[in-house]
């Protein structure tokens, strides 16, 4: 919506958020392979909570993107703490169990461009997980959540998020130019500034 009205030009945000979604989808696939979707009630509850969470986040983002990103940061922080407690409590048992195939393929596959893309605090190719057992899987999921926290924090610094792969490009490149934006935060602020600003400033 913000892009369509010409208020923001955040191409890197779209790349990073897609990579985050790709990562979270693989977390889900891993949990499903471990039997997390075997009960009908669990599937029903998870799907309806996801729909509610989506609607709530969209409404928050419409009012204030910074508020929505802060909320997501809190959710990711809680996820990190939950996985960390689980690893500490069941670590020895997890080391005796094999890793799901989907986890091995995702974390050690040939094309890790999207894996690097959501980790905005890291240089690409600096994190390459080892997956030898189920402990490694949960350890990497936990670390993914920590990276999501950092990215959500970076998103709150209005318009400054860059794709990790953009840093190797020249600052005058199309990727950098695509991140130009009108300086507004939230729909009310953007509407007000679009009325008081000339069209040239919003392009």
Protein backbone atom coordinates (compact mmCIF):
# COMPACT_ATOMS: atom_id res chain seq x y z
CA UNK A 1 0.00 0.00 0.00
CA UNK A 2 2.76 2.48 0.97
CA UNK A 3 4.68 1.60 -2.22
CA UNK A 4 1.57 1.94 -4.39
CA UNK A 5 0.88 5.47 -3.14
CA UNK A 6 4.51 6.44 -3.71
CA UNK A 7 5.17 7.20 -0.05
CA UNK A 8 7.96 4.64 0.29
CA UNK A 9 10.44 2.99 -2.04
CA UNK A 10 11.68 0.03 -0.03
CA UNK A 11 12.75 -2.69 -2.44
CA UNK A 12 15.21 -4.13 0.07
CA UNK A 13 12.42 -4.51 2.63
CA UNK A 14 10.50 -6.72 0.19
CA UNK A 15 13.56 -8.93 -0.41
CA UNK A 16 14.38 -9.28 3.28
CA UNK A 17 10.79 -9.97 4.34
CA UNK A 18 10.38 -12.63 1.65
CA UNK A 19 13.57 -14.30 2.91
CA UNK A 20 12.21 -14.15 6.48
CA UNK A 21 8.97 -15.79 5.33
CA UNK A 22 10.96 -18.47 3.50
CA UNK A 23 12.92 -19.17 6.69
CA UNK A 24 9.81 -19.34 8.89
CA UNK A 25 8.11 -21.63 6.37
CA UNK A 26 11.00 -24.07 6.72
CA UNK A 27 10.71 -23.93 10.49
CA UNK A 28 7.09 -24.98 9.98
CA UNK A 29 8.04 -27.76 7.55
CA UNK A 30 10.58 -29.07 10.07
CA UNK A 31 7.98 -29.14 12.85
CA UNK A 32 5.50 -30.88 10.56
CA UNK A 33 8.06 -33.55 9.64
CA UNK A 34 8.58 -34.10 13.38
CA UNK A 35 4.83 -34.73 13.77
CA UNK A 36 3.75 -31.27 14.91
CA UNK A 37 0.71 -31.30 12.61
CA UNK A 38 -0.56 -34.77 13.51
CA UNK A 39 -3.45 -33.57 15.70
CA UNK A 40 -6.41 -31.85 14.06
CA UNK A 41 -6.86 -29.43 16.98
CA UNK A 42 -3.24 -28.28 16.79
CA UNK A 43 -3.61 -27.54 13.07
CA UNK A 44 -6.92 -25.73 13.64
CA UNK A 45 -5.54 -23.63 16.48
CA UNK A 46 -2.31 -22.74 14.66
CA UNK A 47 -4.08 -21.74 11.44
CA UNK A 48 -6.61 -19.49 13.19
CA UNK A 49 -3.99 -17.87 15.41
CA UNK A 50 -1.92 -17.20 12.28
CA UNK A 51 -4.88 -15.50 10.56
CA UNK A 52 -5.57 -13.37 13.65
CA UNK A 53 -1.88 -12.48 13.97
CA UNK A 54 -1.73 -11.49 10.29
CA UNK A 55 -4.79 -9.21 10.48
CA UNK A 56 -3.57 -7.62 13.72
CA UNK A 57 -0.09 -6.98 12.29
CA UNK A 58 -1.49 -5.47 9.07
CA UNK A 59 -3.66 -3.08 11.10
CA UNK A 60 -0.68 -2.14 13.29
CA UNK A 61 1.51 -1.64 10.21
CA UNK A 62 -1.10 0.61 8.62
CA UNK A 63 -1.12 2.84 11.70
CA UNK A 64 2.60 2.68 12.44
CA UNK A 65 5.14 0.35 10.79
CA UNK A 66 7.55 1.00 13.65
CA UNK A 67 4.96 -0.27 16.13
CA UNK A 68 4.33 -3.41 14.05
CA UNK A 69 8.05 -4.13 13.77
CA UNK A 70 8.51 -3.65 17.51
CA UNK A 71 5.69 -6.11 18.18
CA UNK A 72 7.30 -8.62 15.80
CA UNK A 73 10.62 -8.12 17.54
CA UNK A 74 8.97 -9.04 20.86
CA UNK A 75 7.42 -12.16 19.30
CA UNK A 76 10.77 -13.25 17.83
CA UNK A 77 12.50 -12.59 21.17
CA UNK A 78 9.98 -14.83 22.93
CA UNK A 79 10.53 -17.54 20.29
CA UNK A 80 14.29 -17.36 20.86
CA UNK A 81 13.84 -17.73 24.64
CA UNK A 82 11.45 -20.67 24.18
CA UNK A 83 13.83 -22.58 21.89
CA UNK A 84 16.77 -21.75 24.15
CA UNK A 85 15.00 -23.22 27.22
CA UNK A 86 13.99 -26.30 25.26
CA UNK A 87 17.57 -26.89 24.04
CA UNK A 88 18.99 -26.51 27.55
CA UNK A 89 16.38 -28.85 29.03
CA UNK A 90 16.46 -31.59 26.34
CA UNK A 91 19.81 -31.09 24.64
CA UNK A 92 21.30 -34.49 25.41
CA UNK A 93 18.19 -36.30 24.18
CA UNK A 94 18.11 -34.23 20.99
CA UNK A 95 21.72 -35.14 20.18
CA UNK A 96 20.69 -38.81 19.94
CA UNK A 97 17.98 -38.18 17.34
CA UNK A 98 18.44 -37.76 13.57
CA UNK A 99 17.78 -34.46 11.81
CA UNK A 100 14.71 -34.24 9.53
CA UNK A 101 15.54 -34.32 5.84
CA UNK A 102 13.89 -30.95 5.21
CA UNK A 103 16.21 -29.34 7.79
CA UNK A 104 19.32 -30.88 6.22
CA UNK A 105 18.25 -29.67 2.76
CA UNK A 106 17.42 -26.16 3.95
CA UNK A 107 20.46 -25.48 6.12
CA UNK A 108 23.09 -27.27 4.05
CA UNK A 109 21.63 -27.02 0.53
CA UNK A 110 23.45 -25.54 -2.42
CA UNK A 111 21.53 -22.27 -2.80
CA UNK A 112 21.68 -20.31 0.47
CA UNK A 113 21.02 -16.85 -0.99
CA UNK A 114 17.70 -16.46 0.85
CA UNK A 115 19.22 -17.89 4.02
CA UNK A 116 21.77 -15.06 4.00
CA UNK A 117 19.18 -12.48 2.95
CA UNK A 118 17.14 -12.36 6.18
CA UNK A 119 20.24 -11.98 8.38
CA UNK A 120 20.74 -8.25 7.95
CA UNK A 121 23.35 -7.97 10.71
CA UNK A 122 25.68 -10.43 8.96
CA UNK A 123 27.78 -10.42 5.81
CA UNK A 124 26.57 -13.08 3.33
CA UNK A 125 28.32 -16.49 3.57
CA UNK A 126 29.47 -15.97 7.17
CA UNK A 127 26.95 -18.36 8.76
CA UNK A 128 26.93 -21.92 7.47
CA UNK A 129 25.19 -24.29 9.91
CA UNK A 130 26.15 -27.90 10.48
CA UNK A 131 23.27 -30.34 10.79
CA UNK A 132 24.30 -33.67 12.28
CA UNK A 133 21.38 -34.34 14.62
CA UNK A 134 18.14 -32.88 15.97
CA UNK A 135 20.05 -30.77 18.50
CA UNK A 136 21.74 -28.91 15.64
CA UNK A 137 18.36 -28.33 14.01
CA UNK A 138 16.83 -26.69 17.08
CA UNK A 139 20.04 -24.77 17.75
CA UNK A 140 19.87 -23.25 14.28
CA UNK A 141 16.16 -22.49 14.53
CA UNK A 142 16.91 -20.68 17.79
CA UNK A 143 19.71 -18.73 16.12
CA UNK A 144 17.38 -17.88 13.22
CA UNK A 145 14.97 -16.31 15.71
CA UNK A 146 17.82 -14.21 17.12
CA UNK A 147 18.60 -12.99 13.60
CA UNK A 148 14.92 -12.14 13.06
CA UNK A 149 15.04 -10.04 16.25
CA UNK A 150 17.99 -8.05 14.90
CA UNK A 151 16.26 -7.55 11.56
CA UNK A 152 13.01 -6.39 13.19
CA UNK A 153 15.03 -3.93 15.26
CA UNK A 154 16.74 -2.64 12.11
CA UNK A 155 13.34 -2.20 10.44
CA UNK A 156 12.35 0.26 13.17
CA UNK A 157 15.08 2.69 12.07
CA UNK A 158 12.81 4.28 9.47
CA UNK A 159 13.95 3.36 5.96
CA UNK A 160 17.51 2.31 6.80
CA UNK A 161 17.23 -1.46 6.30
CA UNK A 162 19.46 -2.81 3.54
CA UNK A 163 19.60 -6.26 2.01
CA UNK A 164 22.84 -8.03 3.05
CA UNK A 165 23.59 -8.56 -0.65
CA UNK A 166 23.16 -4.83 -1.40
CA UNK A 167 26.24 -3.82 0.53
CA UNK A 168 28.52 -5.27 -2.14
CA UNK A 169 26.90 -2.96 -4.68
CA UNK A 170 27.75 0.68 -5.32
CA UNK A 171 25.67 3.21 -3.37
CA UNK A 172 24.49 4.74 -6.65
CA UNK A 173 23.05 1.42 -7.82
CA UNK A 174 19.39 0.76 -8.53
CA UNK A 175 19.11 -1.17 -5.25
CA UNK A 176 20.10 1.91 -3.26
CA UNK A 177 17.89 4.23 -5.32
CA UNK A 178 14.90 1.95 -4.81
CA UNK A 179 15.08 2.62 -1.07
CA UNK A 180 14.41 6.35 -1.46
CA UNK A 181 11.20 7.35 0.30
CA UNK A 182 9.11 10.21 1.54
CA UNK A 183 9.83 10.83 5.20
CA UNK A 184 6.62 9.69 6.88
CA UNK A 185 5.66 7.11 9.46
CA UNK A 186 2.19 5.53 9.45
CA UNK A 187 -0.79 6.22 7.21
CA UNK A 188 -1.98 9.37 9.00
CA UNK A 189 1.47 10.96 8.79
CA UNK A 190 1.89 9.92 5.14
CA UNK A 191 -1.53 11.28 4.16
CA UNK A 192 -0.80 14.58 5.88
CA UNK A 193 2.61 14.94 4.23
CA UNK A 194 1.30 13.93 0.80
CA UNK A 195 -1.19 16.82 0.99
CA UNK A 196 1.37 19.37 2.18
CA UNK A 197 4.29 18.20 -0.01
CA UNK A 198 4.75 18.76 -3.73
CA UNK A 199 4.47 15.67 -6.01
CA UNK A 200 8.13 16.05 -7.03
CA UNK A 201 9.26 15.37 -3.46
CA UNK A 202 7.33 12.11 -3.33
CA UNK A 203 8.84 10.65 -6.49
